[in-house]
PDB file of all heavy atoms in Angstrom:
ATOM      1  N   GLU A   1      26.456 109.642 250.935  1.00  0.00           N
ATOM      2  CA  GLU A   1      26.829 108.590 249.994  1.00  0.00           C
ATOM      3  C   GLU A   1      27.098 107.321 250.799  1.00  0.00           C
ATOM      4  O   GLU A   1      27.716 107.352 251.856  1.00  0.00           O
ATOM      5  CB  GLU A   1      28.108 108.984 249.244  1.00  0.00           C
ATOM      6  CG  GLU A   1      27.901 110.093 248.237  1.00  0.00           C
ATOM      7  CD  GLU A   1      27.013 109.657 247.088  1.00  0.00           C
ATOM      8  OE1 GLU A   1      27.203 108.534 246.565  1.00  0.00           O
ATOM      9  OE2 GLU A   1      26.122 110.448 246.724  1.00  0.00           O
ATOM     10  N   PRO A   2      26.619 106.196 250.270  1.00  0.00           N
ATOM     11  CA  PRO A   2      26.941 104.942 250.971  1.00  0.00           C
ATOM     12  C   PRO A   2      28.458 104.758 251.017  1.00  0.00           C
ATOM     13  O   PRO A   2      29.163 105.112 250.076  1.00  0.00           O
ATOM     14  CB  PRO A   2      26.293 103.863 250.095  1.00  0.00           C
ATOM     15  CG  PRO A   2      25.297 104.587 249.261  1.00  0.00           C
ATOM     16  CD  PRO A   2      25.790 105.979 249.113  1.00  0.00           C
ATOM     17  N   PRO A   3      28.970 104.221 252.109  1.00  0.00           N
ATOM     18  CA  PRO A   3      30.419 104.038 252.207  1.00  0.00           C
ATOM     19  C   PRO A   3      30.927 102.996 251.213  1.00  0.00           C
ATOM     20  O   PRO A   3      30.205 102.065 250.850  1.00  0.00           O
ATOM     21  CB  PRO A   3      30.601 103.545 253.652  1.00  0.00           C
ATOM     22  CG  PRO A   3      29.282 103.039 254.085  1.00  0.00           C
ATOM     23  CD  PRO A   3      28.258 103.735 253.260  1.00  0.00           C
ATOM     24  N   VAL A   4      32.145 103.198 250.771  1.00  0.00           N
ATOM     25  CA  VAL A   4      32.790 102.239 249.887  1.00  0.00           C
ATOM     26  C   VAL A   4      33.876 101.547 250.695  1.00  0.00           C
ATOM     27  O   VAL A   4      34.732 102.208 251.284  1.00  0.00           O
ATOM     28  CB  VAL A   4      33.396 102.945 248.636  1.00  0.00           C
ATOM     29  CG1 VAL A   4      34.098 101.935 247.746  1.00  0.00           C
ATOM     30  CG2 VAL A   4      32.319 103.694 247.885  1.00  0.00           C
ATOM     31  N   TYR A   5      33.829 100.222 250.718  1.00  0.00           N
ATOM     32  CA  TYR A   5      34.765  99.456 251.529  1.00  0.00           C
ATOM     33  C   TYR A   5      35.733  98.705 250.649  1.00  0.00           C
ATOM     34  O   TYR A   5      35.408  98.295 249.536  1.00  0.00           O
ATOM     35  CB  TYR A   5      34.009  98.475 252.420  1.00  0.00           C
ATOM     36  CG  TYR A   5      33.078  99.151 253.397  1.00  0.00           C
ATOM     37  CD1 TYR A   5      31.715  99.143 253.205  1.00  0.00           C
ATOM     38  CD2 TYR A   5      33.583  99.795 254.524  1.00  0.00           C
ATOM     39  CE1 TYR A   5      30.871  99.775 254.097  1.00  0.00           C
ATOM     40  CE2 TYR A   5      32.750 100.415 255.422  1.00  0.00           C
ATOM     41  CZ  TYR A   5      31.394 100.410 255.210  1.00  0.00           C
ATOM     42  OH  TYR A   5      30.553 101.043 256.076  1.00  0.00           O
ATOM     43  N   LEU A   6      36.921  98.482 251.178  1.00  0.00           N
ATOM     44  CA  LEU A   6      37.955  97.740 250.479  1.00  0.00           C
ATOM     45  C   LEU A   6      37.526  96.291 250.276  1.00  0.00           C
ATOM     46  O   LEU A   6      37.768  95.694 249.233  1.00  0.00           O
ATOM     47  CB  LEU A   6      39.286  97.832 251.245  1.00  0.00           C
ATOM     48  CG  LEU A   6      40.521  97.287 250.564  1.00  0.00           C
ATOM     49  CD1 LEU A   6      40.723  97.950 249.214  1.00  0.00           C
ATOM     50  CD2 LEU A   6      41.741  97.507 251.444  1.00  0.00           C
ATOM     51  N   PHE A   7      36.884  95.732 251.293  1.00  0.00           N
ATOM     52  CA  PHE A   7      36.382  94.354 251.228  1.00  0.00           C
ATOM     53  C   PHE A   7      34.863  94.373 251.481  1.00  0.00           C
ATOM     54  O   PHE A   7      34.412  94.110 252.595  1.00  0.00           O
ATOM     55  CB  PHE A   7      37.086  93.471 252.278  1.00  0.00           C
ATOM     56  CG  PHE A   7      38.567  93.443 252.105  1.00  0.00           C
ATOM     57  CD1 PHE A   7      39.398  94.183 252.943  1.00  0.00           C
ATOM     58  CD2 PHE A   7      39.139  92.691 251.098  1.00  0.00           C
ATOM     59  CE1 PHE A   7      40.765  94.170 252.775  1.00  0.00           C
ATOM     60  CE2 PHE A   7      40.528  92.658 250.922  1.00  0.00           C
ATOM     61  CZ  PHE A   7      41.335  93.416 251.765  1.00  0.00           C
ATOM     62  N   PRO A   8      34.099  94.706 250.453  1.00  0.00           N
ATOM     63  CA  PRO A   8      32.667  94.909 250.659  1.00  0.00           C
ATOM     64  C   PRO A   8      31.919  93.688 251.199  1.00  0.00           C
ATOM     65  O   PRO A   8      31.040  93.822 252.038  1.00  0.00           O
ATOM     66  CB  PRO A   8      32.126  95.329 249.296  1.00  0.00           C
ATOM     67  CG  PRO A   8      33.201  95.071 248.327  1.00  0.00           C
ATOM     68  CD  PRO A   8      34.479  94.916 249.072  1.00  0.00           C
ATOM     69  N   ASP A   9      32.266  92.493 250.729  1.00  0.00           N
ATOM     70  CA  ASP A   9      31.549  91.303 251.189  1.00  0.00           C
ATOM     71  C   ASP A   9      31.704  91.082 252.682  1.00  0.00           C
ATOM     72  O   ASP A   9      30.745  90.834 253.390  1.00  0.00           O
ATOM     73  CB  ASP A   9      32.005  90.054 250.426  1.00  0.00           C
ATOM     74  CG  ASP A   9      31.502  90.061 248.986  1.00  0.00           C
ATOM     75  OD1 ASP A   9      30.498  90.743 248.717  1.00  0.00           O
ATOM     76  OD2 ASP A   9      32.120  89.388 248.143  1.00  0.00           O
ATOM     77  N   SER A  10      32.934  91.175 253.173  1.00  0.00           N
ATOM     78  CA  SER A  10      33.137  90.970 254.615  1.00  0.00           C
ATOM     79  C   SER A  10      32.512  92.114 255.411  1.00  0.00           C
ATOM     80  O   SER A  10      31.982  91.895 256.507  1.00  0.00           O
ATOM     81  CB  SER A  10      34.617  90.818 254.951  1.00  0.00           C
ATOM     82  OG  SER A  10      35.337  91.962 254.538  1.00  0.00           O
ATOM     83  N   GLN A  11      32.501  93.323 254.862  1.00  0.00           N
ATOM     84  CA  GLN A  11      31.883  94.454 255.559  1.00  0.00           C
ATOM     85  C   GLN A  11      30.369  94.279 255.658  1.00  0.00           C
ATOM     86  O   GLN A  11      29.761  94.664 256.651  1.00  0.00           O
ATOM     87  CB  GLN A  11      32.213  95.774 254.860  1.00  0.00           C
ATOM     88  CG  GLN A  11      31.671  96.982 255.575  1.00  0.00           C
ATOM     89  CD  GLN A  11      32.158  97.121 257.012  1.00  0.00           C
ATOM     90  OE1 GLN A  11      33.334  96.896 257.284  1.00  0.00           O
ATOM     91  NE2 GLN A  11      31.272  97.447 257.930  1.00  0.00           N
ATOM     92  N   HIS A  12      29.776  93.671 254.650  1.00  0.00           N
ATOM     93  CA  HIS A  12      28.337  93.407 254.722  1.00  0.00           C
ATOM     94  C   HIS A  12      27.992  92.532 255.909  1.00  0.00           C
ATOM     95  O   HIS A  12      26.984  92.759 256.586  1.00  0.00           O
ATOM     96  CB  HIS A  12      27.842  92.762 253.423  1.00  0.00           C
ATOM     97  CG  HIS A  12      27.901  93.674 252.246  1.00  0.00           C
ATOM     98  ND1 HIS A  12      27.490  94.973 252.256  1.00  0.00           N
ATOM     99  CD2 HIS A  12      28.339  93.442 250.983  1.00  0.00           C
ATOM    100  CE1 HIS A  12      27.656  95.526 251.075  1.00  0.00           C
ATOM    101  NE2 HIS A  12      28.197  94.616 250.279  1.00  0.00           N
ATOM    102  N   TYR A  13      28.811  91.539 256.170  1.00  0.00           N
ATOM    103  CA  TYR A  13      28.543  90.652 257.294  1.00  0.00           C
ATOM    104  C   TYR A  13      28.749  91.368 258.639  1.00  0.00           C
ATOM    105  O   TYR A  13      28.023  91.111 259.585  1.00  0.00           O
ATOM    106  CB  TYR A  13      29.362  89.367 257.200  1.00  0.00           C
ATOM    107  CG  TYR A  13      28.887  88.507 256.058  1.00  0.00           C
ATOM    108  CD1 TYR A  13      29.699  88.267 254.959  1.00  0.00           C
ATOM    109  CD2 TYR A  13      27.609  87.958 256.072  1.00  0.00           C
ATOM    110  CE1 TYR A  13      29.253  87.493 253.904  1.00  0.00           C
ATOM    111  CE2 TYR A  13      27.160  87.183 255.019  1.00  0.00           C
ATOM    112  CZ  TYR A  13      27.978  86.945 253.945  1.00  0.00           C
ATOM    113  OH  TYR A  13      27.524  86.194 252.913  1.00  0.00           O
ATOM    114  N   VAL A  14      29.710  92.270 258.675  1.00  0.00           N
ATOM    115  CA  VAL A  14      29.905  93.065 259.887  1.00  0.00           C
ATOM    116  C   VAL A  14      28.683  93.971 260.093  1.00  0.00           C
ATOM    117  O   VAL A  14      28.155  94.062 261.202  1.00  0.00           O
ATOM    118  CB  VAL A  14      31.207  93.906 259.807  1.00  0.00           C
ATOM    119  CG1 VAL A  14      31.290  94.896 260.939  1.00  0.00           C
ATOM    120  CG2 VAL A  14      32.416  92.995 259.793  1.00  0.00           C
ATOM    121  N   THR A  15      28.236  94.611 259.033  1.00  0.00           N
ATOM    122  CA  THR A  15      27.051  95.465 259.119  1.00  0.00           C
ATOM    123  C   THR A  15      25.831  94.660 259.523  1.00  0.00           C
ATOM    124  O   THR A  15      25.040  95.077 260.361  1.00  0.00           O
ATOM    125  CB  THR A  15      26.809  96.182 257.772  1.00  0.00           C
ATOM    126  OG1 THR A  15      27.957  96.970 257.442  1.00  0.00           O
ATOM    127  CG2 THR A  15      25.578  97.066 257.833  1.00  0.00           C
ATOM    128  N   LEU A  16      25.689  93.478 258.935  1.00  0.00           N
ATOM    129  CA  LEU A  16      24.584  92.590 259.276  1.00  0.00           C
ATOM    130  C   LEU A  16      24.617  92.236 260.767  1.00  0.00           C
ATOM    131  O   LEU A  16      23.580  92.248 261.437  1.00  0.00           O
ATOM    132  CB  LEU A  16      24.704  91.322 258.436  1.00  0.00           C
ATOM    133  CG  LEU A  16      23.456  90.563 258.074  1.00  0.00           C
ATOM    134  CD1 LEU A  16      22.457  91.471 257.384  1.00  0.00           C
ATOM    135  CD2 LEU A  16      23.819  89.389 257.190  1.00  0.00           C
ATOM    136  N   ALA A  17      25.792  91.970 261.286  1.00  0.00           N
ATOM    137  CA  ALA A  17      25.951  91.651 262.716  1.00  0.00           C
ATOM    138  C   ALA A  17      25.570  92.869 263.561  1.00  0.00           C
ATOM    139  O   ALA A  17      24.926  92.721 264.609  1.00  0.00           O
ATOM    140  CB  ALA A  17      27.383  91.223 263.008  1.00  0.00           C
ATOM    141  N   LYS A  18      25.934  94.077 263.117  1.00  0.00           N
ATOM    142  CA  LYS A  18      25.557  95.290 263.842  1.00  0.00           C
ATOM    143  C   LYS A  18      24.034  95.457 263.890  1.00  0.00           C
ATOM    144  O   LYS A  18      23.476  95.748 264.933  1.00  0.00           O
ATOM    145  CB  LYS A  18      26.155  96.537 263.173  1.00  0.00           C
ATOM    146  CG  LYS A  18      27.626  96.726 263.380  1.00  0.00           C
ATOM    147  CD  LYS A  18      28.031  98.014 262.668  1.00  0.00           C
ATOM    148  CE  LYS A  18      29.517  98.198 262.607  1.00  0.00           C
ATOM    149  NZ  LYS A  18      29.852  99.400 261.815  1.00  0.00           N
ATOM    150  N   VAL A  19      23.408  95.242 262.741  1.00  0.00           N
ATOM    151  CA  VAL A  19      21.953  95.386 262.675  1.00  0.00           C
ATOM    152  C   VAL A  19      21.295  94.355 263.598  1.00  0.00           C
ATOM    153  O   VAL A  19      20.418  94.692 264.392  1.00  0.00           O
ATOM    154  CB  VAL A  19      21.439  95.225 261.217  1.00  0.00           C
ATOM    155  CG1 VAL A  19      19.920  95.167 261.178  1.00  0.00           C
ATOM    156  CG2 VAL A  19      21.961  96.336 260.331  1.00  0.00           C
ATOM    157  N   GLN A  20      21.742  93.108 263.502  1.00  0.00           N
ATOM    158  CA  GLN A  20      21.151  92.057 264.328  1.00  0.00           C
ATOM    159  C   GLN A  20      21.328  92.371 265.811  1.00  0.00           C
ATOM    160  O   GLN A  20      20.372  92.298 266.595  1.00  0.00           O
ATOM    161  CB  GLN A  20      21.778  90.728 263.993  1.00  0.00           C
ATOM    162  CG  GLN A  20      21.177  89.585 264.792  1.00  0.00           C
ATOM    163  CD  GLN A  20      21.767  88.240 264.430  1.00  0.00           C
ATOM    164  OE1 GLN A  20      22.777  88.147 263.712  1.00  0.00           O
ATOM    165  NE2 GLN A  20      21.145  87.177 264.906  1.00  0.00           N
ATOM    166  N   ASN A  21      22.537  92.738 266.215  1.00  0.00           N
ATOM    167  CA  ASN A  21      22.820  93.027 267.610  1.00  0.00           C
ATOM    168  C   ASN A  21      21.941  94.187 268.113  1.00  0.00           C
ATOM    169  O   ASN A  21      21.363  94.116 269.179  1.00  0.00           O
ATOM    170  CB  ASN A  21      24.315  93.352 267.756  1.00  0.00           C
ATOM    171  CG  ASN A  21      24.711  93.616 269.190  1.00  0.00           C
ATOM    172  OD1 ASN A  21      24.380  94.651 269.741  1.00  0.00           O
ATOM    173  ND2 ASN A  21      25.453  92.688 269.763  1.00  0.00           N
ATOM    174  N   TYR A  22      21.881  95.245 267.308  1.00  0.00           N
ATOM    175  CA  TYR A  22      21.116  96.429 267.717  1.00  0.00           C
ATOM    176  C   TYR A  22      19.634  96.115 267.834  1.00  0.00           C
ATOM    177  O   TYR A  22      18.967  96.504 268.797  1.00  0.00           O
ATOM    178  CB  TYR A  22      21.360  97.588 266.751  1.00  0.00           C
ATOM    179  CG  TYR A  22      20.852  98.907 267.289  1.00  0.00           C
ATOM    180  CD1 TYR A  22      21.498  99.535 268.338  1.00  0.00           C
ATOM    181  CD2 TYR A  22      19.715  99.497 266.765  1.00  0.00           C
ATOM    182  CE1 TYR A  22      21.030 100.740 268.844  1.00  0.00           C
ATOM    183  CE2 TYR A  22      19.242 100.696 267.251  1.00  0.00           C
ATOM    184  CZ  TYR A  22      19.913 101.309 268.307  1.00  0.00           C
ATOM    185  OH  TYR A  22      19.419 102.502 268.797  1.00  0.00           O
ATOM    186  N   LEU A  23      19.082  95.399 266.858  1.00  0.00           N
ATOM    187  CA  LEU A  23      17.655  95.113 266.887  1.00  0.00           C
ATOM    188  C   LEU A  23      17.284  94.142 268.016  1.00  0.00           C
ATOM    189  O   LEU A  23      16.226  94.282 268.625  1.00  0.00           O
ATOM    190  CB  LEU A  23      17.191  94.560 265.526  1.00  0.00           C
ATOM    191  CG  LEU A  23      17.306  95.536 264.350  1.00  0.00           C
ATOM    192  CD1 LEU A  23      16.747  94.886 263.083  1.00  0.00           C
ATOM    193  CD2 LEU A  23      16.612  96.850 264.645  1.00  0.00           C
ATOM    194  N   GLU A  24      18.149  93.194 268.297  1.00  0.00           N
ATOM    195  CA  GLU A  24      17.900  92.301 269.427  1.00  0.00           C
ATOM    196  C   GLU A  24      17.886  93.098 270.728  1.00  0.00           C
ATOM    197  O   GLU A  24      17.027  92.890 271.603  1.00  0.00           O
ATOM    198  CB  GLU A  24      18.932  91.179 269.480  1.00  0.00           C
ATOM    199  CG  GLU A  24      18.727  90.131 268.396  1.00  0.00           C
ATOM    200  CD  GLU A  24      19.875  89.125 268.298  1.00  0.00           C
ATOM    201  OE1 GLU A  24      20.960  89.353 268.890  1.00  0.00           O
ATOM    202  OE2 GLU A  24      19.680  88.108 267.598  1.00  0.00           O
ATOM    203  N   ASN A  25      18.833  94.025 270.873  1.00  0.00           N
ATOM    204  CA  ASN A  25      18.870  94.887 272.069  1.00  0.00           C
ATOM    205  C   ASN A  25      17.645  95.808 272.121  1.00  0.00           C
ATOM    206  O   ASN A  25      17.116  96.077 273.203  1.00  0.00           O
ATOM    207  CB  ASN A  25      20.152  95.723 272.113  1.00  0.00           C
ATOM    208  CG  ASN A  25      21.344  94.910 272.508  1.00  0.00           C
ATOM    209  OD1 ASN A  25      21.215  93.892 273.188  1.00  0.00           O
ATOM    210  ND2 ASN A  25      22.513  95.331 272.092  1.00  0.00           N
ATOM    211  N   LEU A  26      17.213  96.267 270.976  1.00  0.00           N
ATOM    212  CA  LEU A  26      16.028  97.146 270.915  1.00  0.00           C
ATOM    213  C   LEU A  26      14.785  96.387 271.382  1.00  0.00           C
ATOM    214  O   LEU A  26      13.966  96.949 272.115  1.00  0.00           O
ATOM    215  CB  LEU A  26      15.853  97.700 269.519  1.00  0.00           C
ATOM    216  CG  LEU A  26      14.820  98.787 269.299  1.00  0.00           C
ATOM    217  CD1 LEU A  26      14.988  99.941 270.278  1.00  0.00           C
ATOM    218  CD2 LEU A  26      14.899  99.299 267.874  1.00  0.00           C
ATOM    219  N   LEU A  27      14.672  95.136 270.987  1.00  0.00           N
ATOM    220  CA  LEU A  27      13.525  94.337 271.464  1.00  0.00           C
ATOM    221  C   LEU A  27      13.582  94.158 272.975  1.00  0.00           C
ATOM    222  O   LEU A  27      12.549  94.189 273.638  1.00  0.00           O
ATOM    223  CB  LEU A  27      13.512  92.963 270.786  1.00  0.00           C
ATOM    224  CG  LEU A  27      12.843  92.865 269.434  1.00  0.00           C
ATOM    225  CD1 LEU A  27      12.919  91.438 268.905  1.00  0.00           C
ATOM    226  CD2 LEU A  27      11.398  93.319 269.486  1.00  0.00           C
ATOM    227  N   LEU A  28      14.777  93.967 273.502  1.00  0.00           N
ATOM    228  CA  LEU A  28      14.912  93.783 274.947  1.00  0.00           C
ATOM    229  C   LEU A  28      14.654  95.092 275.713  1.00  0.00           C
ATOM    230  O   LEU A  28      14.283  95.068 276.872  1.00  0.00           O
ATOM    231  CB  LEU A  28      16.329  93.286 275.298  1.00  0.00           C
ATOM    232  CG  LEU A  28      16.647  91.863 274.814  1.00  0.00           C
ATOM    233  CD1 LEU A  28      18.123  91.544 275.077  1.00  0.00           C
ATOM    234  CD2 LEU A  28      15.740  90.845 275.497  1.00  0.00           C
ATOM    235  N   ASN A  29      14.871  96.224 275.043  1.00  0.00           N
ATOM    236  CA  ASN A  29      14.699  97.540 275.664  1.00  0.00           C
ATOM    237  C   ASN A  29      13.553  98.300 275.020  1.00  0.00           C
ATOM    238  O   ASN A  29      13.631  99.531 274.842  1.00  0.00           O
ATOM    239  CB  ASN A  29      15.999  98.346 275.562  1.00  0.00           C
ATOM    240  CG  ASN A  29      17.107  97.729 276.349  1.00  0.00           C
ATOM    241  OD1 ASN A  29      17.092  97.748 277.564  1.00  0.00           O
ATOM    242  ND2 ASN A  29      18.084  97.135 275.643  1.00  0.00           N
ATOM    243  N   LYS A  30      12.465  97.618 274.695  1.00  0.00           N
ATOM    244  CA  LYS A  30      11.351  98.253 273.966  1.00  0.00           C
ATOM    245  C   LYS A  30      10.699  99.360 274.782  1.00  0.00           C
ATOM    246  O   LYS A  30      10.049 100.244 274.223  1.00  0.00           O
ATOM    247  CB  LYS A  30      10.340  97.225 273.542  1.00  0.00           C
ATOM    248  CG  LYS A  30       9.699  96.456 274.653  1.00  0.00           C
ATOM    249  CD  LYS A  30       8.824  95.345 274.124  1.00  0.00           C
ATOM    250  CE  LYS A  30       8.339  94.491 275.287  1.00  0.00           C
ATOM    251  NZ  LYS A  30       7.827  93.236 274.854  1.00  0.00           N
ATOM    252  N   ASP A  31      10.923  99.385 276.099  1.00  0.00           N
ATOM    253  CA  ASP A  31      10.393 100.487 276.915  1.00  0.00           C
ATOM    254  C   ASP A  31      11.024 101.814 276.531  1.00  0.00           C
ATOM    255  O   ASP A  31      10.435 102.879 276.751  1.00  0.00           O
ATOM    256  CB  ASP A  31      10.596 100.201 278.396  1.00  0.00           C
ATOM    257  CG  ASP A  31      12.064 100.017 278.763  1.00  0.00           C
ATOM    258  OD1 ASP A  31      12.779  99.288 278.037  1.00  0.00           O
ATOM    259  OD2 ASP A  31      12.485 100.579 279.791  1.00  0.00           O
TER     260      ASP A  31
END
């Protein structure tokens, strides 16, 4: 089940930052 957060809007931005950070690192480590 998708997680339910007390402050969903702010959590979305945290999740967005996680996705961005991870994908940028993945591009740098594509090997």
